[in-house]
Protein backbone atom coordinates (compact mmCIF):
# COMPACT_ATOMS: atom_id res chain seq x y z
CA UNK A 1 0.00 0.00 0.00
CA UNK A 2 1.45 3.35 -1.03
CA UNK A 3 1.40 6.57 0.96
CA UNK A 4 1.08 10.08 -0.44
CA UNK A 5 4.50 10.96 0.96
CA UNK A 6 7.47 9.38 2.69
CA UNK A 7 6.92 11.24 5.98
CA UNK A 8 3.60 10.01 7.34
CA UNK A 9 1.70 6.74 6.92
CA UNK A 10 -1.41 5.22 8.51
CA UNK A 11 -2.22 1.51 8.31
CA UNK A 12 -5.05 -0.71 9.54
CA UNK A 13 -3.63 -4.00 10.77
CA UNK A 14 -5.92 -6.99 11.25
CA UNK A 15 -4.93 -8.99 14.31
CA UNK A 16 -6.37 -12.35 15.42
CA UNK A 17 -6.09 -14.46 18.56
CA UNK A 18 -4.76 -17.38 16.46
CA UNK A 19 -1.26 -16.09 15.71
CA UNK A 20 1.20 -13.26 16.20
CA UNK A 21 1.16 -10.50 13.57
CA UNK A 22 4.37 -8.59 12.87
CA UNK A 23 4.17 -4.80 12.77
CA UNK A 24 6.65 -3.41 10.26
CA UNK A 25 7.35 0.17 9.26
CA UNK A 26 5.97 1.09 5.80
CA UNK A 27 8.30 4.12 5.72
CA UNK A 28 11.53 5.14 7.45
CA UNK A 29 10.32 6.84 10.63
CA UNK A 30 11.17 8.16 14.08
CA UNK A 31 7.78 7.80 15.77
CA UNK A 32 5.09 5.14 15.68
CA UNK A 33 1.73 4.72 17.40
CA UNK A 34 -0.60 1.71 17.79
CA UNK A 35 -4.28 2.03 18.82
CA UNK A 36 -6.32 -1.21 18.95
CA UNK A 37 -10.11 -1.32 18.70
CA UNK A 38 -10.11 -4.25 21.18
CA UNK A 39 -7.54 -5.48 23.71
CA UNK A 40 -4.36 -6.88 22.16
CA UNK A 41 -1.17 -8.45 23.43
CA UNK A 42 2.12 -6.90 22.29
CA UNK A 43 5.52 -8.60 22.31
CA UNK A 44 8.94 -7.56 21.14
CA UNK A 45 9.81 -11.25 20.61
CA UNK A 46 6.81 -13.39 19.61
CA UNK A 47 8.42 -16.52 21.04
CA UNK A 48 9.23 -14.99 24.45
CA UNK A 49 6.29 -14.39 26.84
CA UNK A 50 8.60 -12.31 29.08
CA UNK A 51 8.41 -9.51 26.45
CA UNK A 52 4.59 -9.41 26.56
CA UNK A 53 2.31 -6.58 27.63
CA UNK A 54 -1.32 -5.69 26.91
CA UNK A 55 -2.64 -2.65 25.06
CA UNK A 56 -6.26 -2.05 26.13
CA UNK A 57 -8.89 -1.10 23.54
CA UNK A 58 -8.69 2.55 22.51
CA UNK A 59 -5.38 3.20 24.30
CA UNK A 60 -2.44 4.47 22.26
CA UNK A 61 0.97 2.84 22.53
CA UNK A 62 3.57 5.31 21.23
CA UNK A 63 7.32 5.19 20.72
CA UNK A 64 8.82 8.64 20.34
CA UNK A 65 12.57 8.44 20.90
CA UNK A 66 14.74 11.52 20.78
CA UNK A 67 15.73 12.17 17.19
CA UNK A 68 19.37 12.53 16.27
CA UNK A 69 20.16 15.30 13.81
CA UNK A 70 22.99 13.24 12.34
CA UNK A 71 21.83 9.61 12.62
CA UNK A 72 18.76 9.85 10.35
CA UNK A 73 15.55 7.93 10.98
CA UNK A 74 15.47 5.73 14.06
CA UNK A 75 13.44 2.98 12.33
CA UNK A 76 14.40 2.21 8.71
CA UNK A 77 11.71 1.17 6.23
CA UNK A 78 10.54 -2.44 6.76
CA UNK A 79 11.79 -2.61 10.37
CA UNK A 80 9.86 -5.12 12.49
CA UNK A 81 8.82 -3.16 15.57
CA UNK A 82 6.77 -5.69 17.52
CA UNK A 83 4.22 -8.48 17.29
CA UNK A 84 0.50 -8.24 18.09
CA UNK A 85 -2.15 -10.82 18.97
CA UNK A 86 -5.83 -10.21 19.79
CA UNK A 87 -6.88 -11.23 23.30
CA UNK A 88 -10.04 -12.80 21.80
CA UNK A 89 -11.34 -13.14 18.25
CA UNK A 90 -10.00 -10.54 15.86
CA UNK A 91 -9.64 -6.78 15.84
CA UNK A 92 -8.13 -3.91 13.90
CA UNK A 93 -5.17 -1.91 15.12
CA UNK A 94 -4.61 1.58 13.71
CA UNK A 95 -0.91 2.18 13.19
CA UNK A 96 0.64 5.58 12.46
CA UNK A 97 4.22 6.18 11.38
CA UNK A 98 5.88 9.62 11.30
CA UNK A 99 9.30 10.49 9.96
C-alpha atoms as a PDB file:
ATOM      1  CA  UNK A   1       0.000   0.000   0.000  1.00  0.00           C
ATOM      2  CA  UNK A   2       1.454   3.350  -1.033  1.00  0.00           C
ATOM      3  CA  UNK A   3       1.400   6.570   0.960  1.00  0.00           C
ATOM      4  CA  UNK A   4       1.079  10.082  -0.435  1.00  0.00           C
ATOM      5  CA  UNK A   5       4.505  10.963   0.959  1.00  0.00           C
ATOM      6  CA  UNK A   6       7.473   9.385   2.685  1.00  0.00           C
ATOM      7  CA  UNK A   7       6.922  11.243   5.976  1.00  0.00           C
ATOM      8  CA  UNK A   8       3.598  10.006   7.343  1.00  0.00           C
ATOM      9  CA  UNK A   9       1.696   6.744   6.917  1.00  0.00           C
ATOM     10  CA  UNK A  10      -1.413   5.219   8.507  1.00  0.00           C
ATOM     11  CA  UNK A  11      -2.218   1.511   8.313  1.00  0.00           C
ATOM     12  CA  UNK A  12      -5.047  -0.707   9.542  1.00  0.00           C
ATOM     13  CA  UNK A  13      -3.634  -4.001  10.767  1.00  0.00           C
ATOM     14  CA  UNK A  14      -5.924  -6.994  11.246  1.00  0.00           C
ATOM     15  CA  UNK A  15      -4.934  -8.989  14.314  1.00  0.00           C
ATOM     16  CA  UNK A  16      -6.373 -12.346  15.425  1.00  0.00           C
ATOM     17  CA  UNK A  17      -6.094 -14.458  18.562  1.00  0.00           C
ATOM     18  CA  UNK A  18      -4.762 -17.378  16.461  1.00  0.00           C
ATOM     19  CA  UNK A  19      -1.262 -16.091  15.707  1.00  0.00           C
ATOM     20  CA  UNK A  20       1.202 -13.259  16.201  1.00  0.00           C
ATOM     21  CA  UNK A  21       1.161 -10.497  13.568  1.00  0.00           C
ATOM     22  CA  UNK A  22       4.372  -8.591  12.870  1.00  0.00           C
ATOM     23  CA  UNK A  23       4.171  -4.798  12.772  1.00  0.00           C
ATOM     24  CA  UNK A  24       6.652  -3.409  10.256  1.00  0.00           C
ATOM     25  CA  UNK A  25       7.348   0.167   9.256  1.00  0.00           C
ATOM     26  CA  UNK A  26       5.972   1.089   5.801  1.00  0.00           C
ATOM     27  CA  UNK A  27       8.298   4.122   5.723  1.00  0.00           C
ATOM     28  CA  UNK A  28      11.528   5.144   7.448  1.00  0.00           C
ATOM     29  CA  UNK A  29      10.324   6.839  10.631  1.00  0.00           C
ATOM     30  CA  UNK A  30      11.173   8.158  14.079  1.00  0.00           C
ATOM     31  CA  UNK A  31       7.776   7.805  15.767  1.00  0.00           C
ATOM     32  CA  UNK A  32       5.089   5.137  15.685  1.00  0.00           C
ATOM     33  CA  UNK A  33       1.728   4.716  17.400  1.00  0.00           C
ATOM     34  CA  UNK A  34      -0.598   1.713  17.791  1.00  0.00           C
ATOM     35  CA  UNK A  35      -4.281   2.034  18.822  1.00  0.00           C
ATOM     36  CA  UNK A  36      -6.317  -1.207  18.948  1.00  0.00           C
ATOM     37  CA  UNK A  37     -10.111  -1.324  18.698  1.00  0.00           C
ATOM     38  CA  UNK A  38     -10.113  -4.247  21.181  1.00  0.00           C
ATOM     39  CA  UNK A  39      -7.543  -5.483  23.708  1.00  0.00           C
ATOM     40  CA  UNK A  40      -4.359  -6.882  22.159  1.00  0.00           C
ATOM     41  CA  UNK A  41      -1.171  -8.455  23.428  1.00  0.00           C
ATOM     42  CA  UNK A  42       2.116  -6.904  22.294  1.00  0.00           C
ATOM     43  CA  UNK A  43       5.525  -8.602  22.310  1.00  0.00           C
ATOM     44  CA  UNK A  44       8.940  -7.560  21.136  1.00  0.00           C
ATOM     45  CA  UNK A  45       9.808 -11.247  20.608  1.00  0.00           C
ATOM     46  CA  UNK A  46       6.810 -13.386  19.609  1.00  0.00           C
ATOM     47  CA  UNK A  47       8.416 -16.524  21.041  1.00  0.00           C
ATOM     48  CA  UNK A  48       9.230 -14.993  24.452  1.00  0.00           C
ATOM     49  CA  UNK A  49       6.291 -14.388  26.845  1.00  0.00           C
ATOM     50  CA  UNK A  50       8.597 -12.311  29.078  1.00  0.00           C
ATOM     51  CA  UNK A  51       8.410  -9.513  26.453  1.00  0.00           C
ATOM     52  CA  UNK A  52       4.590  -9.405  26.558  1.00  0.00           C
ATOM     53  CA  UNK A  53       2.307  -6.575  27.628  1.00  0.00           C
ATOM     54  CA  UNK A  54      -1.318  -5.690  26.913  1.00  0.00           C
ATOM     55  CA  UNK A  55      -2.638  -2.653  25.058  1.00  0.00           C
ATOM     56  CA  UNK A  56      -6.260  -2.047  26.132  1.00  0.00           C
ATOM     57  CA  UNK A  57      -8.892  -1.096  23.541  1.00  0.00           C
ATOM     58  CA  UNK A  58      -8.688   2.547  22.514  1.00  0.00           C
ATOM     59  CA  UNK A  59      -5.384   3.202  24.296  1.00  0.00           C
ATOM     60  CA  UNK A  60      -2.440   4.467  22.257  1.00  0.00           C
ATOM     61  CA  UNK A  61       0.972   2.837  22.535  1.00  0.00           C
ATOM     62  CA  UNK A  62       3.570   5.307  21.231  1.00  0.00           C
ATOM     63  CA  UNK A  63       7.322   5.188  20.719  1.00  0.00           C
ATOM     64  CA  UNK A  64       8.815   8.641  20.342  1.00  0.00           C
ATOM     65  CA  UNK A  65      12.572   8.438  20.900  1.00  0.00           C
ATOM     66  CA  UNK A  66      14.742  11.518  20.776  1.00  0.00           C
ATOM     67  CA  UNK A  67      15.726  12.172  17.186  1.00  0.00           C
ATOM     68  CA  UNK A  68      19.367  12.526  16.271  1.00  0.00           C
ATOM     69  CA  UNK A  69      20.156  15.301  13.807  1.00  0.00           C
ATOM     70  CA  UNK A  70      22.989  13.241  12.337  1.00  0.00           C
ATOM     71  CA  UNK A  71      21.835   9.614  12.616  1.00  0.00           C
ATOM     72  CA  UNK A  72      18.761   9.846  10.352  1.00  0.00           C
ATOM     73  CA  UNK A  73      15.555   7.932  10.977  1.00  0.00           C
ATOM     74  CA  UNK A  74      15.469   5.729  14.058  1.00  0.00           C
ATOM     75  CA  UNK A  75      13.436   2.975  12.331  1.00  0.00           C
ATOM     76  CA  UNK A  76      14.399   2.205   8.706  1.00  0.00           C
ATOM     77  CA  UNK A  77      11.709   1.165   6.229  1.00  0.00           C
ATOM     78  CA  UNK A  78      10.538  -2.444   6.765  1.00  0.00           C
ATOM     79  CA  UNK A  79      11.792  -2.611  10.365  1.00  0.00           C
ATOM     80  CA  UNK A  80       9.860  -5.123  12.493  1.00  0.00           C
ATOM     81  CA  UNK A  81       8.817  -3.160  15.570  1.00  0.00           C
ATOM     82  CA  UNK A  82       6.771  -5.688  17.516  1.00  0.00           C
ATOM     83  CA  UNK A  83       4.218  -8.482  17.294  1.00  0.00           C
ATOM     84  CA  UNK A  84       0.497  -8.243  18.086  1.00  0.00           C
ATOM     85  CA  UNK A  85      -2.152 -10.816  18.975  1.00  0.00           C
ATOM     86  CA  UNK A  86      -5.825 -10.211  19.792  1.00  0.00           C
ATOM     87  CA  UNK A  87      -6.884 -11.226  23.298  1.00  0.00           C
ATOM     88  CA  UNK A  88     -10.037 -12.795  21.798  1.00  0.00           C
ATOM     89  CA  UNK A  89     -11.341 -13.142  18.250  1.00  0.00           C
ATOM     90  CA  UNK A  90     -10.003 -10.539  15.864  1.00  0.00           C
ATOM     91  CA  UNK A  91      -9.643  -6.777  15.837  1.00  0.00           C
ATOM     92  CA  UNK A  92      -8.133  -3.906  13.900  1.00  0.00           C
ATOM     93  CA  UNK A  93      -5.168  -1.911  15.120  1.00  0.00           C
ATOM     94  CA  UNK A  94      -4.608   1.577  13.713  1.00  0.00           C
ATOM     95  CA  UNK A  95      -0.906   2.180  13.191  1.00  0.00           C
ATOM     96  CA  UNK A  96       0.642   5.576  12.460  1.00  0.00           C
ATOM     97  CA  UNK A  97       4.224   6.181  11.382  1.00  0.00           C
ATOM     98  CA  UNK A  98       5.880   9.620  11.299  1.00  0.00           C
ATOM     99  CA  UNK A  99       9.299  10.495   9.958  1.00  0.00           C
END
